[in-house]
Amino acid sequence: MALIPIRVNRDIVGLLQLNDRRADRFTLEQVHFFEGISASIGVALMRKQQEDALLESEARHRLLFDGSRDAMMTLAAPSWKFASGNPAALEMFGPGMRRSSPRWGRGCIPERQPDGRPRRTRHGKRSRRP
């Protein structure tokens, strides 16, 4: 029998157990070979755990994004054009605003600010219509 720890860095994340009914079946060379394999198994296990955690996190984010009654939109760098919006944003800005549309988000910026001032760029100049 051979018990080989599955390690990632210095942490043991599992155990590889090799059994044979015959005594002294595994040579030192074979044990070293399986230790090398166990390191690869450890990396694969950790990667799989990280992928699962990412999928779970993405699902939670999607649930919050799509389920919010507040309008939420995302922008795509470097152009900073609108990339997507949740159902509340699509409802707020009208049926013509579809996520798949390349013009999604155009017309979302009002001509005037809530206090009546005209829409301006970051530098205080009047912006052009999108």
N, C-alpha and C. Protein backbone atom coordinates (compact mmCIF):
# COMPACT_ATOMS: atom_id res chain seq x y z
N MET A 1 0.85 -1.17 0.00
CA MET A 1 0.00 0.00 0.00
C MET A 1 0.90 1.24 0.00
N ALA A 2 0.43 2.27 -0.73
CA ALA A 2 1.13 3.55 -0.75
C ALA A 2 0.10 4.66 -0.52
N LEU A 3 0.40 5.55 0.43
CA LEU A 3 -0.43 6.72 0.70
C LEU A 3 0.37 7.95 0.30
N ILE A 4 -0.13 8.66 -0.69
CA ILE A 4 0.60 9.81 -1.23
C ILE A 4 -0.26 11.05 -1.07
N PRO A 5 0.23 12.05 -0.32
CA PRO A 5 -0.57 13.28 -0.14
C PRO A 5 -0.68 14.06 -1.45
N ILE A 6 -1.86 14.61 -1.67
CA ILE A 6 -2.08 15.50 -2.81
C ILE A 6 -1.91 16.91 -2.27
N ARG A 7 -0.88 17.58 -2.74
CA ARG A 7 -0.52 18.90 -2.21
C ARG A 7 -0.69 19.99 -3.25
N VAL A 8 -1.04 21.15 -2.74
CA VAL A 8 -1.00 22.38 -3.52
C VAL A 8 -0.21 23.36 -2.66
N ASN A 9 0.94 23.75 -3.16
CA ASN A 9 1.90 24.52 -2.38
C ASN A 9 2.27 23.68 -1.15
N ARG A 10 1.98 24.13 0.03
CA ARG A 10 2.31 23.34 1.23
C ARG A 10 1.08 22.71 1.87
N ASP A 11 -0.07 22.97 1.28
CA ASP A 11 -1.33 22.46 1.83
C ASP A 11 -1.64 21.08 1.25
N ILE A 12 -2.12 20.19 2.10
CA ILE A 12 -2.59 18.89 1.66
C ILE A 12 -4.08 19.02 1.36
N VAL A 13 -4.46 18.74 0.11
CA VAL A 13 -5.85 18.89 -0.29
C VAL A 13 -6.52 17.54 -0.58
N GLY A 14 -5.77 16.47 -0.45
CA GLY A 14 -6.32 15.14 -0.69
C GLY A 14 -5.28 14.08 -0.44
N LEU A 15 -5.66 12.84 -0.71
CA LEU A 15 -4.78 11.70 -0.48
C LEU A 15 -4.98 10.69 -1.60
N LEU A 16 -3.88 10.27 -2.19
CA LEU A 16 -3.89 9.23 -3.22
C LEU A 16 -3.51 7.93 -2.54
N GLN A 17 -4.42 6.97 -2.56
CA GLN A 17 -4.16 5.68 -1.90
C GLN A 17 -4.06 4.60 -2.97
N LEU A 18 -2.92 3.91 -2.99
CA LEU A 18 -2.68 2.82 -3.93
C LEU A 18 -2.57 1.52 -3.15
N ASN A 19 -3.35 0.53 -3.51
CA ASN A 19 -3.36 -0.75 -2.79
C ASN A 19 -2.96 -1.89 -3.71
N ASP A 20 -2.30 -2.89 -3.13
CA ASP A 20 -1.99 -4.14 -3.81
C ASP A 20 -1.98 -5.23 -2.75
N ARG A 21 -2.49 -6.37 -3.08
CA ARG A 21 -2.54 -7.47 -2.10
C ARG A 21 -1.14 -8.00 -1.77
N ARG A 22 -0.23 -7.78 -2.67
CA ARG A 22 1.13 -8.27 -2.46
C ARG A 22 1.95 -7.22 -1.70
N ALA A 23 2.81 -7.67 -0.85
CA ALA A 23 3.65 -6.76 -0.05
C ALA A 23 4.76 -6.16 -0.89
N ASP A 24 5.18 -4.95 -0.53
CA ASP A 24 6.30 -4.24 -1.18
C ASP A 24 6.14 -4.19 -2.70
N ARG A 25 4.95 -3.94 -3.15
CA ARG A 25 4.67 -3.93 -4.58
C ARG A 25 5.16 -2.64 -5.25
N PHE A 26 5.19 -1.53 -4.51
CA PHE A 26 5.55 -0.25 -5.11
C PHE A 26 7.00 0.09 -4.81
N THR A 27 7.76 0.36 -5.86
CA THR A 27 9.16 0.73 -5.71
C THR A 27 9.24 2.22 -5.37
N LEU A 28 10.40 2.64 -4.92
CA LEU A 28 10.62 4.05 -4.60
C LEU A 28 10.43 4.90 -5.87
N GLU A 29 10.86 4.38 -7.00
CA GLU A 29 10.71 5.10 -8.27
C GLU A 29 9.22 5.29 -8.60
N GLN A 30 8.41 4.27 -8.37
CA GLN A 30 6.98 4.38 -8.62
C GLN A 30 6.32 5.38 -7.67
N VAL A 31 6.73 5.36 -6.42
CA VAL A 31 6.19 6.31 -5.44
C VAL A 31 6.52 7.73 -5.87
N HIS A 32 7.75 7.99 -6.32
CA HIS A 32 8.12 9.33 -6.80
C HIS A 32 7.28 9.72 -8.02
N PHE A 33 7.04 8.76 -8.91
CA PHE A 33 6.19 9.02 -10.08
C PHE A 33 4.79 9.44 -9.64
N PHE A 34 4.20 8.70 -8.71
CA PHE A 34 2.86 9.02 -8.24
C PHE A 34 2.82 10.32 -7.45
N GLU A 35 3.91 10.67 -6.78
CA GLU A 35 3.98 11.97 -6.10
C GLU A 35 3.92 13.10 -7.12
N GLY A 36 4.58 12.91 -8.24
CA GLY A 36 4.52 13.91 -9.31
C GLY A 36 3.12 14.04 -9.87
N ILE A 37 2.48 12.89 -10.07
CA ILE A 37 1.10 12.92 -10.56
C ILE A 37 0.18 13.58 -9.53
N SER A 38 0.41 13.31 -8.26
CA SER A 38 -0.46 13.88 -7.22
C SER A 38 -0.37 15.40 -7.20
N ALA A 39 0.78 15.96 -7.54
CA ALA A 39 0.91 17.42 -7.60
C ALA A 39 0.01 17.98 -8.71
N SER A 40 -0.01 17.29 -9.85
CA SER A 40 -0.88 17.72 -10.96
C SER A 40 -2.35 17.57 -10.59
N ILE A 41 -2.67 16.49 -9.89
CA ILE A 41 -4.05 16.28 -9.44
C ILE A 41 -4.45 17.40 -8.48
N GLY A 42 -3.54 17.80 -7.60
CA GLY A 42 -3.82 18.88 -6.65
C GLY A 42 -4.12 20.19 -7.36
N VAL A 43 -3.32 20.51 -8.37
CA VAL A 43 -3.55 21.75 -9.13
C VAL A 43 -4.90 21.68 -9.83
N ALA A 44 -5.22 20.53 -10.42
CA ALA A 44 -6.50 20.37 -11.11
C ALA A 44 -7.67 20.48 -10.13
N LEU A 45 -7.54 19.89 -8.95
CA LEU A 45 -8.60 19.99 -7.94
C LEU A 45 -8.84 21.44 -7.52
N MET A 46 -7.76 22.16 -7.28
CA MET A 46 -7.90 23.55 -6.86
C MET A 46 -8.51 24.40 -7.97
N ARG A 47 -8.10 24.14 -9.21
CA ARG A 47 -8.66 24.89 -10.34
C ARG A 47 -10.16 24.63 -10.45
N LYS A 48 -10.56 23.37 -10.30
CA LYS A 48 -11.98 23.02 -10.37
C LYS A 48 -12.76 23.71 -9.25
N GLN A 49 -12.21 23.75 -8.04
CA GLN A 49 -12.88 24.43 -6.93
C GLN A 49 -13.03 25.92 -7.21
N GLN A 50 -11.98 26.53 -7.79
CA GLN A 50 -12.04 27.95 -8.11
C GLN A 50 -13.06 28.23 -9.22
N GLU A 51 -13.12 27.35 -10.22
CA GLU A 51 -14.11 27.51 -11.28
C GLU A 51 -15.52 27.41 -10.73
N ASP A 52 -15.75 26.44 -9.84
CA ASP A 52 -17.08 26.29 -9.23
C ASP A 52 -17.45 27.52 -8.41
N ALA A 53 -16.49 28.06 -7.67
CA ALA A 53 -16.74 29.26 -6.87
C ALA A 53 -17.06 30.45 -7.77
N LEU A 54 -16.36 30.56 -8.90
CA LEU A 54 -16.62 31.65 -9.84
C LEU A 54 -18.02 31.52 -10.45
N LEU A 55 -18.41 30.31 -10.84
CA LEU A 55 -19.74 30.10 -11.40
C LEU A 55 -20.83 30.45 -10.37
N GLU A 56 -20.61 30.08 -9.13
CA GLU A 56 -21.57 30.40 -8.08
C GLU A 56 -21.66 31.91 -7.87
N SER A 57 -20.52 32.58 -7.89
CA SER A 57 -20.49 34.03 -7.72
C SER A 57 -21.19 34.72 -8.90
N GLU A 58 -20.94 34.24 -10.11
CA GLU A 58 -21.59 34.82 -11.29
C GLU A 58 -23.11 34.63 -11.22
N ALA A 59 -23.55 33.46 -10.75
CA ALA A 59 -24.99 33.21 -10.64
C ALA A 59 -25.62 34.15 -9.61
N ARG A 60 -24.94 34.38 -8.48
CA ARG A 60 -25.46 35.31 -7.47
C ARG A 60 -25.54 36.72 -8.05
N HIS A 61 -24.49 37.14 -8.77
CA HIS A 61 -24.47 38.47 -9.38
C HIS A 61 -25.60 38.61 -10.39
N ARG A 62 -25.78 37.61 -11.24
CA ARG A 62 -26.83 37.66 -12.26
C ARG A 62 -28.21 37.76 -11.60
N LEU A 63 -28.41 37.02 -10.51
CA LEU A 63 -29.68 37.07 -9.79
C LEU A 63 -29.94 38.47 -9.23
N LEU A 64 -28.91 39.08 -8.65
CA LEU A 64 -29.06 40.45 -8.13
C LEU A 64 -29.30 41.45 -9.25
N PHE A 65 -28.53 41.32 -10.32
CA PHE A 65 -28.62 42.25 -11.46
C PHE A 65 -29.99 42.16 -12.11
N ASP A 66 -30.41 40.95 -12.47
CA ASP A 66 -31.68 40.79 -13.17
C ASP A 66 -32.88 41.00 -12.25
N GLY A 67 -32.74 40.70 -10.97
CA GLY A 67 -33.86 40.80 -10.04
C GLY A 67 -34.06 42.17 -9.44
N SER A 68 -33.13 43.08 -9.64
CA SER A 68 -33.25 44.40 -9.04
C SER A 68 -34.35 45.21 -9.71
N ARG A 69 -35.09 45.96 -8.90
CA ARG A 69 -36.11 46.85 -9.46
C ARG A 69 -35.48 48.20 -9.84
N ASP A 70 -34.21 48.40 -9.48
CA ASP A 70 -33.49 49.60 -9.90
C ASP A 70 -32.87 49.35 -11.27
N ALA A 71 -32.86 50.38 -12.10
CA ALA A 71 -32.25 50.25 -13.42
C ALA A 71 -30.73 50.14 -13.27
N MET A 72 -30.16 49.10 -13.85
CA MET A 72 -28.71 48.89 -13.82
C MET A 72 -28.22 48.65 -15.24
N MET A 73 -27.10 49.28 -15.57
CA MET A 73 -26.51 49.12 -16.90
C MET A 73 -25.02 48.89 -16.75
N THR A 74 -24.43 48.22 -17.73
CA THR A 74 -22.99 48.04 -17.74
C THR A 74 -22.42 48.71 -18.98
N LEU A 75 -21.18 49.16 -18.87
CA LEU A 75 -20.47 49.80 -19.97
C LEU A 75 -19.27 48.94 -20.36
N ALA A 76 -18.95 48.94 -21.63
CA ALA A 76 -17.82 48.15 -22.12
C ALA A 76 -16.62 49.05 -22.37
N ALA A 77 -15.52 48.74 -21.72
CA ALA A 77 -14.28 49.50 -21.95
C ALA A 77 -13.66 49.03 -23.25
N PRO A 78 -12.91 49.80 -23.97
CA PRO A 78 -12.51 51.18 -23.68
C PRO A 78 -13.46 52.21 -24.28
N SER A 79 -14.46 51.78 -25.05
CA SER A 79 -15.36 52.74 -25.70
C SER A 79 -16.38 53.33 -24.72
N TRP A 80 -16.62 52.63 -23.62
CA TRP A 80 -17.59 53.01 -22.60
C TRP A 80 -18.99 53.12 -23.17
N LYS A 81 -19.27 52.31 -24.19
CA LYS A 81 -20.63 52.23 -24.72
C LYS A 81 -21.42 51.27 -23.84
N PHE A 82 -22.72 51.47 -23.83
CA PHE A 82 -23.58 50.61 -23.04
C PHE A 82 -23.48 49.18 -23.56
N ALA A 83 -23.30 48.23 -22.65
CA ALA A 83 -23.16 46.82 -23.02
C ALA A 83 -24.39 46.01 -22.67
N SER A 84 -24.99 46.29 -21.52
CA SER A 84 -26.16 45.52 -21.11
C SER A 84 -26.95 46.31 -20.08
N GLY A 85 -28.17 45.86 -19.88
CA GLY A 85 -29.02 46.46 -18.87
C GLY A 85 -29.95 45.41 -18.30
N ASN A 86 -30.34 45.61 -17.07
CA ASN A 86 -31.27 44.66 -16.46
C ASN A 86 -32.69 44.97 -16.93
N PRO A 87 -33.65 44.10 -16.61
CA PRO A 87 -35.03 44.34 -17.06
C PRO A 87 -35.58 45.70 -16.64
N ALA A 88 -35.22 46.19 -15.46
CA ALA A 88 -35.71 47.50 -15.02
C ALA A 88 -35.17 48.61 -15.93
N ALA A 89 -33.94 48.51 -16.37
CA ALA A 89 -33.37 49.51 -17.29
C ALA A 89 -34.06 49.44 -18.64
N LEU A 90 -34.30 48.22 -19.11
CA LEU A 90 -34.98 48.07 -20.39
C LEU A 90 -36.40 48.64 -20.33
N GLU A 91 -37.07 48.45 -19.18
CA GLU A 91 -38.41 49.00 -19.01
C GLU A 91 -38.36 50.52 -18.94
N MET A 92 -37.36 51.06 -18.24
CA MET A 92 -37.25 52.50 -18.06
C MET A 92 -36.97 53.22 -19.37
N PHE A 93 -36.09 52.64 -20.20
CA PHE A 93 -35.66 53.34 -21.41
C PHE A 93 -36.40 52.89 -22.66
N GLY A 94 -37.40 52.04 -22.51
CA GLY A 94 -38.26 51.70 -23.63
C GLY A 94 -37.94 50.39 -24.31
N PRO A 95 -38.90 49.91 -25.08
CA PRO A 95 -38.74 48.60 -25.73
C PRO A 95 -37.68 48.60 -26.83
N GLY A 96 -37.31 49.75 -27.34
CA GLY A 96 -36.29 49.81 -28.39
C GLY A 96 -34.88 49.56 -27.86
N MET A 97 -34.72 49.56 -26.57
CA MET A 97 -33.41 49.34 -25.96
C MET A 97 -33.22 47.86 -25.69
N ARG A 98 -32.60 47.18 -26.62
CA ARG A 98 -32.35 45.75 -26.46
C ARG A 98 -30.88 45.53 -26.23
N ARG A 99 -30.57 44.57 -25.40
CA ARG A 99 -29.17 44.26 -25.11
C ARG A 99 -28.40 43.91 -26.37
N SER A 100 -29.05 43.26 -27.31
CA SER A 100 -28.35 42.81 -28.50
C SER A 100 -28.14 43.93 -29.52
N SER A 101 -28.83 45.03 -29.35
CA SER A 101 -28.73 46.12 -30.30
C SER A 101 -27.40 46.86 -30.15
N PRO A 102 -26.70 47.11 -31.25
CA PRO A 102 -25.44 47.86 -31.13
C PRO A 102 -25.66 49.30 -30.70
N ARG A 103 -26.89 49.80 -30.84
CA ARG A 103 -27.18 51.17 -30.44
C ARG A 103 -27.80 51.21 -29.05
N TRP A 104 -27.74 50.10 -28.31
CA TRP A 104 -28.35 50.05 -26.98
C TRP A 104 -27.75 51.14 -26.11
N GLY A 105 -28.57 51.89 -25.47
CA GLY A 105 -28.11 52.94 -24.56
C GLY A 105 -28.14 54.32 -25.17
N ARG A 106 -28.21 54.41 -26.50
CA ARG A 106 -28.27 55.73 -27.11
C ARG A 106 -29.61 56.36 -26.76
N GLY A 107 -29.58 57.62 -26.46
CA GLY A 107 -30.81 58.30 -26.09
C GLY A 107 -31.13 58.17 -24.61
N CYS A 108 -30.29 57.50 -23.86
CA CYS A 108 -30.53 57.32 -22.44
C CYS A 108 -30.15 58.55 -21.64
N ILE A 109 -29.30 59.37 -22.21
CA ILE A 109 -28.83 60.56 -21.49
C ILE A 109 -29.77 61.71 -21.85
N PRO A 110 -30.44 62.28 -20.86
CA PRO A 110 -31.40 63.35 -21.16
C PRO A 110 -30.69 64.62 -21.63
N GLU A 111 -31.42 65.45 -22.38
CA GLU A 111 -30.88 66.72 -22.85
C GLU A 111 -30.59 67.68 -21.69
N ARG A 112 -31.37 67.54 -20.62
CA ARG A 112 -31.22 68.44 -19.47
C ARG A 112 -31.03 67.65 -18.20
N GLN A 113 -30.28 68.24 -17.28
CA GLN A 113 -30.09 67.68 -15.96
C GLN A 113 -31.37 67.86 -15.16
N PRO A 114 -31.55 67.15 -14.02
CA PRO A 114 -32.77 67.31 -13.22
C PRO A 114 -33.04 68.75 -12.79
N ASP A 115 -31.98 69.58 -12.63
CA ASP A 115 -32.20 70.96 -12.21
C ASP A 115 -32.46 71.90 -13.39
N GLY A 116 -32.57 71.36 -14.62
CA GLY A 116 -32.89 72.17 -15.78
C GLY A 116 -31.68 72.59 -16.61
N ARG A 117 -30.47 72.43 -16.06
CA ARG A 117 -29.28 72.80 -16.82
C ARG A 117 -29.10 71.83 -18.00
N PRO A 118 -28.49 72.32 -19.11
CA PRO A 118 -28.26 71.42 -20.24
C PRO A 118 -27.22 70.35 -19.88
N ARG A 119 -27.30 69.26 -20.57
CA ARG A 119 -26.34 68.17 -20.39
C ARG A 119 -24.95 68.70 -20.76
N ARG A 120 -23.95 68.32 -19.97
CA ARG A 120 -22.58 68.80 -20.21
C ARG A 120 -21.60 67.63 -20.15
N THR A 121 -20.45 67.85 -20.75
CA THR A 121 -19.39 66.85 -20.67
C THR A 121 -18.70 66.99 -19.34
N ARG A 122 -17.74 66.14 -19.11
CA ARG A 122 -16.97 66.15 -17.87
C ARG A 122 -16.22 67.46 -17.69
N HIS A 123 -15.90 68.14 -18.80
CA HIS A 123 -15.09 69.37 -18.73
C HIS A 123 -15.95 70.64 -18.77
N GLY A 124 -17.27 70.47 -18.63
CA GLY A 124 -18.14 71.64 -18.55
C GLY A 124 -18.61 72.16 -19.89
N LYS A 125 -18.19 71.55 -21.01
CA LYS A 125 -18.65 71.99 -22.32
C LYS A 125 -19.91 71.22 -22.69
N ARG A 126 -20.71 71.82 -23.49
CA ARG A 126 -21.93 71.14 -23.95
C ARG A 126 -21.52 69.93 -24.77
N SER A 127 -22.15 68.81 -24.47
CA SER A 127 -21.81 67.59 -25.20
C SER A 127 -22.64 67.48 -26.46
N ARG A 128 -22.13 66.69 -27.41
CA ARG A 128 -22.89 66.41 -28.62
C ARG A 128 -23.89 65.31 -28.34
N ARG A 129 -24.94 65.30 -29.10
CA ARG A 129 -25.95 64.25 -28.96
C ARG A 129 -25.32 62.92 -29.38
N PRO A 130 -25.55 61.83 -28.58
CA PRO A 130 -24.94 60.54 -28.93
C PRO A 130 -25.46 59.98 -30.23
